């Protein structure tokens, strides 16, 4: 008797499954087609991104080779790479231009910093590093508010670059004879838990030597 009941239950279940597929075949086919299209789109996108990065790599390497061989007309090529907003080759092209003094306009350099920081898809800490580098670049000519606006995303975070941002602001204030503000930033740095011992020791040294702490 039990065996007969089990057979009936199994047949009933199978019939329900069969009816479900029959009754919903159009919806199921549509879902299957959509999934296939999504997968195809994903793999196509990945392939296009790989080809794009390979092309940028070739463009960047060719520009560097040209420059090192004495052909200095690579400015526009490297600017084009920057504006592609690639996480690898846009920063490389940008810093190549700076290191070789191929762009000297502070305004233009800051515009490219913004492209690298905001539009290139950098990971969090690489982005923070570039924010710090932008602050370092601007520290020679920016006013207090401008420099703070640049560095605040790092200074107010828990980034590994926060101690460097604090140190830069402390040095900036000290160089501009704003000793109290400089002292406050050195004290923040000295009390920072996640700062390296080296930079904390330097901050304590400055507090002792320059402020008698």
C-alpha atoms as a PDB file:
ATOM      1  CA  UNK A   1       0.000   0.000   0.000  1.00  0.00           C
ATOM      2  CA  UNK A   2       2.754   2.397   0.952  1.00  0.00           C
ATOM      3  CA  UNK A   3       4.568   1.606  -2.282  1.00  0.00           C
ATOM      4  CA  UNK A   4       1.465   2.410  -4.296  1.00  0.00           C
ATOM      5  CA  UNK A   5       1.057   5.736  -2.491  1.00  0.00           C
ATOM      6  CA  UNK A   6       4.717   6.599  -3.185  1.00  0.00           C
ATOM      7  CA  UNK A   7       4.230   5.789  -6.876  1.00  0.00           C
ATOM      8  CA  UNK A   8       1.118   7.955  -7.042  1.00  0.00           C
ATOM      9  CA  UNK A   9       2.916  10.847  -5.284  1.00  0.00           C
ATOM     10  CA  UNK A  10       5.875  10.549  -7.632  1.00  0.00           C
ATOM     11  CA  UNK A  11       3.649  10.493 -10.709  1.00  0.00           C
ATOM     12  CA  UNK A  12       1.702  13.479  -9.403  1.00  0.00           C
ATOM     13  CA  UNK A  13       4.879  15.436  -8.755  1.00  0.00           C
ATOM     14  CA  UNK A  14       6.266  14.626 -12.180  1.00  0.00           C
ATOM     15  CA  UNK A  15       2.985  15.652 -13.787  1.00  0.00           C
ATOM     16  CA  UNK A  16       3.035  18.972 -11.944  1.00  0.00           C
ATOM     17  CA  UNK A  17       6.594  19.639 -13.071  1.00  0.00           C
ATOM     18  CA  UNK A  18       5.702  18.739 -16.645  1.00  0.00           C
ATOM     19  CA  UNK A  19       2.652  21.009 -16.584  1.00  0.00           C
ATOM     20  CA  UNK A  20       4.700  23.849 -15.089  1.00  0.00           C
ATOM     21  CA  UNK A  21       7.170  23.725 -17.977  1.00  0.00           C
ATOM     22  CA  UNK A  22       4.379  23.429 -20.546  1.00  0.00           C
ATOM     23  CA  UNK A  23       2.360  26.294 -19.105  1.00  0.00           C
ATOM     24  CA  UNK A  24       5.359  28.569 -18.629  1.00  0.00           C
ATOM     25  CA  UNK A  25       7.455  27.582 -21.607  1.00  0.00           C
ATOM     26  CA  UNK A  26       7.323  31.035 -23.224  1.00  0.00           C
ATOM     27  CA  UNK A  27       8.443  32.775 -20.024  1.00  0.00           C
ATOM     28  CA  UNK A  28      11.172  30.201 -19.435  1.00  0.00           C
ATOM     29  CA  UNK A  29      12.432  30.550 -22.997  1.00  0.00           C
ATOM     30  CA  UNK A  30      12.477  34.335 -22.597  1.00  0.00           C
ATOM     31  CA  UNK A  31      14.452  34.099 -19.332  1.00  0.00           C
ATOM     32  CA  UNK A  32      16.897  31.666 -20.951  1.00  0.00           C
ATOM     33  CA  UNK A  33      17.399  33.970 -23.943  1.00  0.00           C
ATOM     34  CA  UNK A  34      17.943  36.973 -21.668  1.00  0.00           C
ATOM     35  CA  UNK A  35      20.545  35.058 -19.642  1.00  0.00           C
ATOM     36  CA  UNK A  36      22.350  34.040 -22.817  1.00  0.00           C
ATOM     37  CA  UNK A  37      22.349  37.648 -24.038  1.00  0.00           C
ATOM     38  CA  UNK A  38      23.672  38.886 -20.687  1.00  0.00           C
ATOM     39  CA  UNK A  39      26.478  36.333 -20.731  1.00  0.00           C
ATOM     40  CA  UNK A  40      27.352  37.164 -24.324  1.00  0.00           C
ATOM     41  CA  UNK A  41      27.296  40.880 -23.518  1.00  0.00           C
ATOM     42  CA  UNK A  42      29.545  40.368 -20.500  1.00  0.00           C
ATOM     43  CA  UNK A  43      32.132  38.349 -22.409  1.00  0.00           C
ATOM     44  CA  UNK A  44      31.994  40.815 -25.310  1.00  0.00           C
ATOM     45  CA  UNK A  45      32.548  43.730 -22.907  1.00  0.00           C
ATOM     46  CA  UNK A  46      35.489  41.951 -21.280  1.00  0.00           C
ATOM     47  CA  UNK A  47      37.007  41.236 -24.679  1.00  0.00           C
ATOM     48  CA  UNK A  48      36.620  44.865 -25.772  1.00  0.00           C
ATOM     49  CA  UNK A  49      38.192  46.080 -22.517  1.00  0.00           C
ATOM     50  CA  UNK A  50      41.121  43.712 -22.980  1.00  0.00           C
ATOM     51  CA  UNK A  51      41.667  44.895 -26.531  1.00  0.00           C
ATOM     52  CA  UNK A  52      41.374  48.537 -25.432  1.00  0.00           C
ATOM     53  CA  UNK A  53      43.971  48.076 -22.690  1.00  0.00           C
ATOM     54  CA  UNK A  54      46.319  46.288 -25.075  1.00  0.00           C
ATOM     55  CA  UNK A  55      45.942  49.152 -27.562  1.00  0.00           C
ATOM     56  CA  UNK A  56      46.663  51.734 -24.861  1.00  0.00           C
ATOM     57  CA  UNK A  57      49.712  49.734 -23.771  1.00  0.00           C
ATOM     58  CA  UNK A  58      51.042  49.822 -27.325  1.00  0.00           C
ATOM     59  CA  UNK A  59      50.333  53.557 -27.648  1.00  0.00           C
ATOM     60  CA  UNK A  60      52.024  54.343 -24.333  1.00  0.00           C
ATOM     61  CA  UNK A  61      55.096  52.192 -25.005  1.00  0.00           C
ATOM     62  CA  UNK A  62      55.472  53.643 -28.499  1.00  0.00           C
ATOM     63  CA  UNK A  63      55.262  57.210 -27.143  1.00  0.00           C
ATOM     64  CA  UNK A  64      57.926  56.470 -24.526  1.00  0.00           C
ATOM     65  CA  UNK A  65      60.207  54.863 -27.112  1.00  0.00           C
ATOM     66  CA  UNK A  66      59.759  57.834 -29.448  1.00  0.00           C
ATOM     67  CA  UNK A  67      60.565  60.310 -26.685  1.00  0.00           C
ATOM     68  CA  UNK A  68      63.619  58.407 -25.503  1.00  0.00           C
ATOM     69  CA  UNK A  69      64.909  58.229 -29.086  1.00  0.00           C
ATOM     70  CA  UNK A  70      64.777  62.023 -29.361  1.00  0.00           C
ATOM     71  CA  UNK A  71      61.328  62.488 -30.904  1.00  0.00           C
ATOM     72  CA  UNK A  72      59.733  64.865 -28.428  1.00  0.00           C
ATOM     73  CA  UNK A  73      56.419  65.359 -30.237  1.00  0.00           C
ATOM     74  CA  UNK A  74      54.538  62.900 -28.029  1.00  0.00           C
ATOM     75  CA  UNK A  75      52.493  65.394 -26.007  1.00  0.00           C
ATOM     76  CA  UNK A  76      49.186  64.899 -27.809  1.00  0.00           C
ATOM     77  CA  UNK A  77      49.566  61.118 -27.880  1.00  0.00           C
ATOM     78  CA  UNK A  78      50.020  60.994 -24.127  1.00  0.00           C
ATOM     79  CA  UNK A  79      47.159  63.430 -23.516  1.00  0.00           C
ATOM     80  CA  UNK A  80      44.922  61.153 -25.567  1.00  0.00           C
ATOM     81  CA  UNK A  81      45.895  58.221 -23.344  1.00  0.00           C
ATOM     82  CA  UNK A  82      45.083  60.246 -20.223  1.00  0.00           C
ATOM     83  CA  UNK A  83      41.648  61.102 -21.584  1.00  0.00           C
ATOM     84  CA  UNK A  84      40.906  57.420 -22.178  1.00  0.00           C
ATOM     85  CA  UNK A  85      40.530  57.274 -18.362  1.00  0.00           C
ATOM     86  CA  UNK A  86      42.232  53.923 -17.988  1.00  0.00           C
ATOM     87  CA  UNK A  87      43.271  52.909 -14.473  1.00  0.00           C
ATOM     88  CA  UNK A  88      46.731  51.789 -15.615  1.00  0.00           C
ATOM     89  CA  UNK A  89      47.899  53.772 -18.618  1.00  0.00           C
ATOM     90  CA  UNK A  90      46.235  57.126 -17.959  1.00  0.00           C
ATOM     91  CA  UNK A  91      48.245  57.663 -14.723  1.00  0.00           C
ATOM     92  CA  UNK A  92      51.412  56.390 -16.422  1.00  0.00           C
ATOM     93  CA  UNK A  93      50.968  58.854 -19.290  1.00  0.00           C
ATOM     94  CA  UNK A  94      50.173  61.717 -16.915  1.00  0.00           C
ATOM     95  CA  UNK A  95      53.204  61.227 -14.682  1.00  0.00           C
ATOM     96  CA  UNK A  96      55.427  60.735 -17.713  1.00  0.00           C
ATOM     97  CA  UNK A  97      54.360  64.189 -18.902  1.00  0.00           C
ATOM     98  CA  UNK A  98      55.068  65.704 -15.476  1.00  0.00           C
ATOM     99  CA  UNK A  99      58.378  63.927 -14.909  1.00  0.00           C
ATOM    100  CA  UNK A 100      59.666  65.085 -18.276  1.00  0.00           C
ATOM    101  CA  UNK A 101      58.185  68.583 -17.895  1.00  0.00           C
ATOM    102  CA  UNK A 102      56.152  68.245 -21.072  1.00  0.00           C
ATOM    103  CA  UNK A 103      53.298  70.141 -19.428  1.00  0.00           C
ATOM    104  CA  UNK A 104      53.985  73.057 -17.090  1.00  0.00           C
ATOM    105  CA  UNK A 105      50.630  74.805 -16.744  1.00  0.00           C
ATOM    106  CA  UNK A 106      49.397  74.379 -13.171  1.00  0.00           C
ATOM    107  CA  UNK A 107      45.790  74.620 -14.345  1.00  0.00           C
ATOM    108  CA  UNK A 108      46.246  71.920 -16.974  1.00  0.00           C
ATOM    109  CA  UNK A 109      48.103  69.648 -14.559  1.00  0.00           C
ATOM    110  CA  UNK A 110      45.301  69.988 -12.005  1.00  0.00           C
ATOM    111  CA  UNK A 111      42.718  69.196 -14.685  1.00  0.00           C
ATOM    112  CA  UNK A 112      44.554  65.958 -15.475  1.00  0.00           C
ATOM    113  CA  UNK A 113      44.891  65.176 -11.773  1.00  0.00           C
ATOM    114  CA  UNK A 114      41.095  65.370 -11.591  1.00  0.00           C
ATOM    115  CA  UNK A 115      40.721  63.003 -14.540  1.00  0.00           C
ATOM    116  CA  UNK A 116      43.054  60.491 -12.891  1.00  0.00           C
ATOM    117  CA  UNK A 117      41.445  60.815  -9.447  1.00  0.00           C
ATOM    118  CA  UNK A 118      37.767  60.996 -10.386  1.00  0.00           C
ATOM    119  CA  UNK A 119      37.346  59.233 -13.727  1.00  0.00           C
ATOM    120  CA  UNK A 120      39.960  56.506 -14.085  1.00  0.00           C
ATOM    121  CA  UNK A 121      38.449  53.818 -11.896  1.00  0.00           C
ATOM    122  CA  UNK A 122      41.356  53.638  -9.457  1.00  0.00           C
ATOM    123  CA  UNK A 123      41.067  51.501  -6.345  1.00  0.00           C
ATOM    124  CA  UNK A 124      40.508  53.392  -3.097  1.00  0.00           C
ATOM    125  CA  UNK A 125      44.094  53.657  -1.844  1.00  0.00           C
ATOM    126  CA  UNK A 126      45.570  54.391  -5.267  1.00  0.00           C
ATOM    127  CA  UNK A 127      43.027  57.190  -5.574  1.00  0.00           C
ATOM    128  CA  UNK A 128      44.074  58.507  -2.151  1.00  0.00           C
ATOM    129  CA  UNK A 129      47.723  58.376  -3.192  1.00  0.00           C
ATOM    130  CA  UNK A 130      46.945  60.512  -6.219  1.00  0.00           C
ATOM    131  CA  UNK A 131      44.995  62.961  -4.053  1.00  0.00           C
ATOM    132  CA  UNK A 132      48.070  63.281  -1.836  1.00  0.00           C
ATOM    133  CA  UNK A 133      50.276  63.789  -4.903  1.00  0.00           C
ATOM    134  CA  UNK A 134      47.923  66.512  -6.117  1.00  0.00           C
ATOM    135  CA  UNK A 135      48.180  68.178  -2.711  1.00  0.00           C
ATOM    136  CA  UNK A 136      51.960  67.913  -2.770  1.00  0.00           C
ATOM    137  CA  UNK A 137      52.067  69.471  -6.227  1.00  0.00           C
ATOM    138  CA  UNK A 138      49.787  72.346  -5.190  1.00  0.00           C
ATOM    139  CA  UNK A 139      51.476  73.018  -1.850  1.00  0.00           C
ATOM    140  CA  UNK A 140      54.007  75.376  -3.466  1.00  0.00           C
ATOM    141  CA  UNK A 141      51.414  77.830  -4.757  1.00  0.00           C
ATOM    142  CA  UNK A 142      47.897  77.046  -3.449  1.00  0.00           C
ATOM    143  CA  UNK A 143      46.333  78.990  -0.606  1.00  0.00           C
ATOM    144  CA  UNK A 144      45.280  77.347   2.646  1.00  0.00           C
ATOM    145  CA  UNK A 145      41.663  76.659   1.697  1.00  0.00           C
ATOM    146  CA  UNK A 146      42.587  75.284  -1.728  1.00  0.00           C
ATOM    147  CA  UNK A 147      45.122  72.895  -0.249  1.00  0.00           C
ATOM    148  CA  UNK A 148      42.741  71.751   2.487  1.00  0.00           C
ATOM    149  CA  UNK A 149      39.993  71.137  -0.085  1.00  0.00           C
ATOM    150  CA  UNK A 150      42.367  68.936  -2.043  1.00  0.00           C
ATOM    151  CA  UNK A 151      43.662  66.946   0.938  1.00  0.00           C
ATOM    152  CA  UNK A 152      40.508  66.694   3.076  1.00  0.00           C
ATOM    153  CA  UNK A 153      39.282  63.444   1.450  1.00  0.00           C
ATOM    154  CA  UNK A 154      42.514  61.833   2.673  1.00  0.00           C
ATOM    155  CA  UNK A 155      42.953  63.708   5.960  1.00  0.00           C
ATOM    156  CA  UNK A 156      39.392  62.916   7.060  1.00  0.00           C
ATOM    157  CA  UNK A 157      39.626  59.246   6.087  1.00  0.00           C
ATOM    158  CA  UNK A 158      41.361  56.212   7.554  1.00  0.00           C
ATOM    159  CA  UNK A 159      43.591  55.908   4.498  1.00  0.00           C
ATOM    160  CA  UNK A 160      47.194  54.773   4.768  1.00  0.00           C
ATOM    161  CA  UNK A 161      47.999  58.153   3.188  1.00  0.00           C
ATOM    162  CA  UNK A 162      46.325  60.152   5.969  1.00  0.00           C
ATOM    163  CA  UNK A 163      49.589  60.578   7.958  1.00  0.00           C
ATOM    164  CA  UNK A 164      51.319  61.937   4.846  1.00  0.00           C
ATOM    165  CA  UNK A 165      48.468  64.402   4.306  1.00  0.00           C
ATOM    166  CA  UNK A 166      48.682  65.592   7.916  1.00  0.00           C
ATOM    167  CA  UNK A 167      52.451  65.956   7.664  1.00  0.00           C
ATOM    168  CA  UNK A 168      52.145  67.943   4.449  1.00  0.00           C
ATOM    169  CA  UNK A 169      49.663  70.361   6.014  1.00  0.00           C
ATOM    170  CA  UNK A 170      51.861  70.731   9.107  1.00  0.00           C
ATOM    171  CA  UNK A 171      54.839  71.595   6.919  1.00  0.00           C
ATOM    172  CA  UNK A 172      52.726  73.948   4.829  1.00  0.00           C
ATOM    173  CA  UNK A 173      51.604  75.922   7.864  1.00  0.00           C
ATOM    174  CA  UNK A 174      55.121  75.955   9.311  1.00  0.00           C
ATOM    175  CA  UNK A 175      56.579  77.302   6.037  1.00  0.00           C
ATOM    176  CA  UNK A 176      53.895  80.016   6.028  1.00  0.00           C
ATOM    177  CA  UNK A 177      54.684  80.997   9.623  1.00  0.00           C
ATOM    178  CA  UNK A 178      51.356  79.721  10.979  1.00  0.00           C
ATOM    179  CA  UNK A 179      53.011  77.940  13.876  1.00  0.00           C
ATOM    180  CA  UNK A 180      49.916  77.143  15.941  1.00  0.00           C
ATOM    181  CA  UNK A 181      48.158  75.409  13.046  1.00  0.00           C
ATOM    182  CA  UNK A 182      51.373  73.605  12.190  1.00  0.00           C
ATOM    183  CA  UNK A 183      51.655  72.391  15.783  1.00  0.00           C
ATOM    184  CA  UNK A 184      48.051  71.135  15.758  1.00  0.00           C
ATOM    185  CA  UNK A 185      48.643  69.026  12.660  1.00  0.00           C
ATOM    186  CA  UNK A 186      51.899  67.595  14.049  1.00  0.00           C
ATOM    187  CA  UNK A 187      50.012  66.705  17.260  1.00  0.00           C
ATOM    188  CA  UNK A 188      47.261  64.968  15.264  1.00  0.00           C
ATOM    189  CA  UNK A 189      49.916  62.975  13.478  1.00  0.00           C
ATOM    190  CA  UNK A 190      51.759  62.081  16.681  1.00  0.00           C
ATOM    191  CA  UNK A 191      48.507  60.763  18.194  1.00  0.00           C
ATOM    192  CA  UNK A 192      47.434  58.827  15.121  1.00  0.00           C
ATOM    193  CA  UNK A 193      47.197  55.106  15.844  1.00  0.00           C
ATOM    194  CA  UNK A 194      47.687  53.738  12.345  1.00  0.00           C
ATOM    195  CA  UNK A 195      50.649  55.945  11.377  1.00  0.00           C
ATOM    196  CA  UNK A 196      54.012  54.319  10.812  1.00  0.00           C
ATOM    197  CA  UNK A 197      56.502  54.646  13.645  1.00  0.00           C
ATOM    198  CA  UNK A 198      58.897  56.520  11.374  1.00  0.00           C
ATOM    199  CA  UNK A 199      56.514  59.356  10.533  1.00  0.00           C
ATOM    200  CA  UNK A 200      55.221  59.549  14.133  1.00  0.00           C
ATOM    201  CA  UNK A 201      58.797  59.813  15.390  1.00  0.00           C
ATOM    202  CA  UNK A 202      59.445  62.621  12.926  1.00  0.00           C
ATOM    203  CA  UNK A 203      56.309  64.445  14.085  1.00  0.00           C
ATOM    204  CA  UNK A 204      57.365  64.101  17.751  1.00  0.00           C
ATOM    205  CA  UNK A 205      60.833  65.357  16.849  1.00  0.00           C
ATOM    206  CA  UNK A 206      59.383  68.426  15.154  1.00  0.00           C
ATOM    207  CA  UNK A 207      57.135  69.102  18.144  1.00  0.00           C
ATOM    208  CA  UNK A 208      60.130  68.902  20.466  1.00  0.00           C
ATOM    209  CA  UNK A 209      62.569  70.890  18.344  1.00  0.00           C
ATOM    210  CA  UNK A 210      60.274  73.536  16.842  1.00  0.00           C
ATOM    211  CA  UNK A 211      57.624  73.884  19.551  1.00  0.00           C
ATOM    212  CA  UNK A 212      59.353  72.807  22.761  1.00  0.00           C
ATOM    213  CA  UNK A 213      56.873  69.988  23.376  1.00  0.00           C
END
